[in-house]
Amino acid sequence: MSVEEPLFRIVRGVPTVEELAALVGVIAVRSRPAARPAPAPASVWARSGRPVGPVPTPGAAAWRASGLPR
C-alpha cells in the first residue's frame, strides 16, 4: 500500500460529512489494540481475612471498637 493510496473508499452513495466522521471514528477505535481483561475478583476465602472497616487505633477505648460490628 503506497502513501497515495487511500485507506478506504466509498463505492456507493454520497455520505455527509457527519457520516464520514462517524466512519473514521469507528475505524480508529477498531484499529486500537484490545484492552486487558479485568482481573478476577478475590475469592470468598481471600476476602474473609481482610478487615471490613477501619482498623481501630490504640487507645483507652480501642478494645470496644475492635469487636463491635460496623
N, C-alpha and C. Protein backbone atom coordinates (compact mmCIF):
# COMPACT_ATOMS: atom_id res chain seq x y z
N MET A 1 0.84 -1.17 0.00
CA MET A 1 0.00 0.00 0.00
C MET A 1 0.89 1.24 0.00
N SER A 2 0.70 2.09 -0.96
CA SER A 2 1.53 3.29 -1.06
C SER A 2 0.92 4.44 -0.25
N VAL A 3 1.69 5.51 -0.12
CA VAL A 3 1.24 6.68 0.62
C VAL A 3 0.07 7.34 -0.10
N GLU A 4 0.04 7.28 -1.42
CA GLU A 4 -1.01 7.92 -2.21
C GLU A 4 -2.31 7.12 -2.22
N GLU A 5 -2.24 5.85 -1.93
CA GLU A 5 -3.43 5.01 -1.96
C GLU A 5 -4.29 5.27 -0.72
N PRO A 6 -5.61 5.49 -0.89
CA PRO A 6 -6.45 5.79 0.27
C PRO A 6 -6.63 4.56 1.16
N LEU A 7 -6.87 4.80 2.43
CA LEU A 7 -7.10 3.73 3.39
C LEU A 7 -8.43 3.02 3.11
N PHE A 8 -9.45 3.77 2.75
CA PHE A 8 -10.74 3.21 2.36
C PHE A 8 -11.37 4.14 1.34
N ARG A 9 -12.38 3.63 0.64
CA ARG A 9 -13.08 4.46 -0.34
C ARG A 9 -14.56 4.13 -0.31
N ILE A 10 -15.37 5.12 -0.64
CA ILE A 10 -16.81 4.97 -0.70
C ILE A 10 -17.16 4.48 -2.10
N VAL A 11 -17.85 3.35 -2.20
CA VAL A 11 -18.15 2.79 -3.51
C VAL A 11 -19.58 3.06 -3.96
N ARG A 12 -20.44 3.47 -3.03
CA ARG A 12 -21.82 3.74 -3.42
C ARG A 12 -22.38 4.82 -2.51
N GLY A 13 -23.17 5.73 -3.07
CA GLY A 13 -23.82 6.77 -2.30
C GLY A 13 -22.94 7.99 -2.12
N VAL A 14 -23.53 8.99 -1.48
CA VAL A 14 -22.83 10.24 -1.21
C VAL A 14 -22.97 10.53 0.29
N PRO A 15 -21.99 10.12 1.09
CA PRO A 15 -22.10 10.32 2.53
C PRO A 15 -21.92 11.78 2.92
N THR A 16 -22.55 12.15 4.01
CA THR A 16 -22.40 13.51 4.53
C THR A 16 -21.08 13.58 5.32
N VAL A 17 -20.72 14.79 5.70
CA VAL A 17 -19.50 14.98 6.48
C VAL A 17 -19.63 14.25 7.82
N GLU A 18 -20.82 14.28 8.43
CA GLU A 18 -21.03 13.60 9.71
C GLU A 18 -20.90 12.09 9.55
N GLU A 19 -21.42 11.53 8.47
CA GLU A 19 -21.31 10.09 8.23
C GLU A 19 -19.86 9.67 8.03
N LEU A 20 -19.10 10.46 7.30
CA LEU A 20 -17.68 10.17 7.11
C LEU A 20 -16.92 10.26 8.43
N ALA A 21 -17.26 11.24 9.26
CA ALA A 21 -16.61 11.38 10.56
C ALA A 21 -16.92 10.17 11.44
N ALA A 22 -18.16 9.69 11.40
CA ALA A 22 -18.52 8.51 12.18
C ALA A 22 -17.76 7.29 11.68
N LEU A 23 -17.63 7.14 10.38
CA LEU A 23 -16.90 6.01 9.81
C LEU A 23 -15.43 6.04 10.23
N VAL A 24 -14.82 7.20 10.15
CA VAL A 24 -13.41 7.32 10.55
C VAL A 24 -13.26 7.02 12.04
N GLY A 25 -14.22 7.48 12.86
CA GLY A 25 -14.17 7.20 14.29
C GLY A 25 -14.24 5.71 14.58
N VAL A 26 -15.14 5.00 13.89
CA VAL A 26 -15.26 3.56 14.09
C VAL A 26 -13.99 2.84 13.67
N ILE A 27 -13.44 3.23 12.54
CA ILE A 27 -12.20 2.58 12.07
C ILE A 27 -11.06 2.85 13.04
N ALA A 28 -10.99 4.06 13.58
CA ALA A 28 -9.92 4.38 14.53
C ALA A 28 -10.06 3.56 15.82
N VAL A 29 -11.27 3.42 16.31
CA VAL A 29 -11.47 2.66 17.55
C VAL A 29 -11.20 1.17 17.32
N ARG A 30 -11.65 0.65 16.20
CA ARG A 30 -11.47 -0.78 15.92
C ARG A 30 -10.02 -1.14 15.64
N SER A 31 -9.20 -0.18 15.23
CA SER A 31 -7.81 -0.48 14.89
C SER A 31 -6.89 -0.44 16.12
N ARG A 32 -7.40 0.02 17.28
CA ARG A 32 -6.59 0.04 18.50
C ARG A 32 -6.49 -1.37 19.06
N PRO A 33 -5.41 -1.66 19.78
CA PRO A 33 -5.31 -2.99 20.41
C PRO A 33 -6.38 -3.14 21.49
N ALA A 34 -6.78 -4.37 21.72
CA ALA A 34 -7.81 -4.66 22.71
C ALA A 34 -7.29 -4.37 24.12
N ALA A 35 -8.19 -3.95 24.99
CA ALA A 35 -7.84 -3.67 26.38
C ALA A 35 -7.65 -4.98 27.13
N ARG A 36 -6.86 -4.91 28.18
CA ARG A 36 -6.66 -6.10 29.01
C ARG A 36 -7.94 -6.41 29.76
N PRO A 37 -8.24 -7.67 29.95
CA PRO A 37 -9.44 -8.01 30.72
C PRO A 37 -9.28 -7.63 32.19
N ALA A 38 -10.38 -7.39 32.85
CA ALA A 38 -10.35 -7.02 34.26
C ALA A 38 -9.86 -8.20 35.09
N PRO A 39 -9.13 -7.94 36.16
CA PRO A 39 -8.65 -9.05 36.99
C PRO A 39 -9.84 -9.76 37.65
N ALA A 40 -9.66 -11.03 37.91
CA ALA A 40 -10.72 -11.82 38.54
C ALA A 40 -10.93 -11.34 39.97
N PRO A 41 -12.18 -11.32 40.43
CA PRO A 41 -12.42 -10.88 41.81
C PRO A 41 -11.82 -11.87 42.81
N ALA A 42 -11.53 -11.36 43.98
CA ALA A 42 -10.94 -12.20 45.03
C ALA A 42 -11.97 -13.24 45.48
N SER A 43 -11.48 -14.41 45.83
CA SER A 43 -12.37 -15.48 46.27
C SER A 43 -12.94 -15.16 47.65
N VAL A 44 -13.97 -15.88 48.04
CA VAL A 44 -14.57 -15.70 49.36
C VAL A 44 -13.53 -15.99 50.43
N TRP A 45 -12.70 -16.97 50.20
CA TRP A 45 -11.66 -17.33 51.17
C TRP A 45 -10.69 -16.16 51.35
N ALA A 46 -10.28 -15.53 50.28
CA ALA A 46 -9.33 -14.42 50.37
C ALA A 46 -9.99 -13.20 51.01
N ARG A 47 -11.25 -12.95 50.72
CA ARG A 47 -11.94 -11.79 51.29
C ARG A 47 -12.18 -11.95 52.78
N SER A 48 -12.28 -13.18 53.28
CA SER A 48 -12.61 -13.38 54.69
C SER A 48 -11.51 -12.88 55.62
N GLY A 49 -10.29 -12.78 55.16
CA GLY A 49 -9.19 -12.34 56.01
C GLY A 49 -8.97 -10.85 55.99
N ARG A 50 -9.70 -10.13 55.17
CA ARG A 50 -9.49 -8.69 55.08
C ARG A 50 -10.37 -7.95 56.08
N PRO A 51 -9.86 -6.90 56.69
CA PRO A 51 -10.70 -6.14 57.61
C PRO A 51 -11.84 -5.46 56.87
N VAL A 52 -13.00 -5.41 57.51
CA VAL A 52 -14.19 -4.82 56.89
C VAL A 52 -14.16 -3.31 57.00
N GLY A 53 -13.82 -2.80 58.13
CA GLY A 53 -13.83 -1.37 58.34
C GLY A 53 -12.45 -0.85 58.65
N PRO A 54 -12.40 0.37 59.15
CA PRO A 54 -11.10 0.92 59.52
C PRO A 54 -10.51 0.16 60.71
N VAL A 55 -9.22 0.06 60.73
CA VAL A 55 -8.52 -0.63 61.81
C VAL A 55 -8.55 0.27 63.04
N PRO A 56 -8.96 -0.27 64.20
CA PRO A 56 -9.00 0.58 65.40
C PRO A 56 -7.61 1.07 65.78
N THR A 57 -7.56 2.27 66.23
CA THR A 57 -6.28 2.83 66.67
C THR A 57 -6.08 2.56 68.15
N PRO A 58 -4.86 2.44 68.60
CA PRO A 58 -4.62 2.18 70.02
C PRO A 58 -5.15 3.33 70.88
N GLY A 59 -5.65 2.97 72.03
CA GLY A 59 -6.14 3.98 72.95
C GLY A 59 -6.95 3.34 74.05
N ALA A 60 -7.52 4.17 74.90
CA ALA A 60 -8.25 3.69 76.07
C ALA A 60 -9.48 2.87 75.68
N ALA A 61 -10.20 3.22 74.62
CA ALA A 61 -11.43 2.52 74.25
C ALA A 61 -11.27 1.66 73.02
N ALA A 62 -10.05 1.35 72.63
CA ALA A 62 -9.82 0.57 71.41
C ALA A 62 -10.40 -0.82 71.52
N TRP A 63 -10.40 -1.40 72.70
CA TRP A 63 -10.92 -2.75 72.86
C TRP A 63 -12.41 -2.80 72.56
N ARG A 64 -13.15 -1.71 72.80
CA ARG A 64 -14.59 -1.69 72.50
C ARG A 64 -14.82 -1.71 70.99
N ALA A 65 -14.03 -0.93 70.25
CA ALA A 65 -14.22 -0.82 68.81
C ALA A 65 -13.74 -2.06 68.07
N SER A 66 -12.86 -2.85 68.70
CA SER A 66 -12.27 -3.97 67.99
C SER A 66 -13.24 -5.13 67.78
N GLY A 67 -14.26 -5.28 68.62
CA GLY A 67 -15.14 -6.43 68.49
C GLY A 67 -16.54 -6.10 68.04
N LEU A 68 -16.89 -4.86 67.93
CA LEU A 68 -18.26 -4.49 67.56
C LEU A 68 -18.43 -4.52 66.05
N PRO A 69 -19.58 -5.06 65.58
CA PRO A 69 -19.83 -4.99 64.13
C PRO A 69 -20.09 -3.56 63.71
N ARG A 70 -19.73 -3.27 62.52
CA ARG A 70 -19.93 -1.90 62.00
C ARG A 70 -21.12 -1.83 61.10
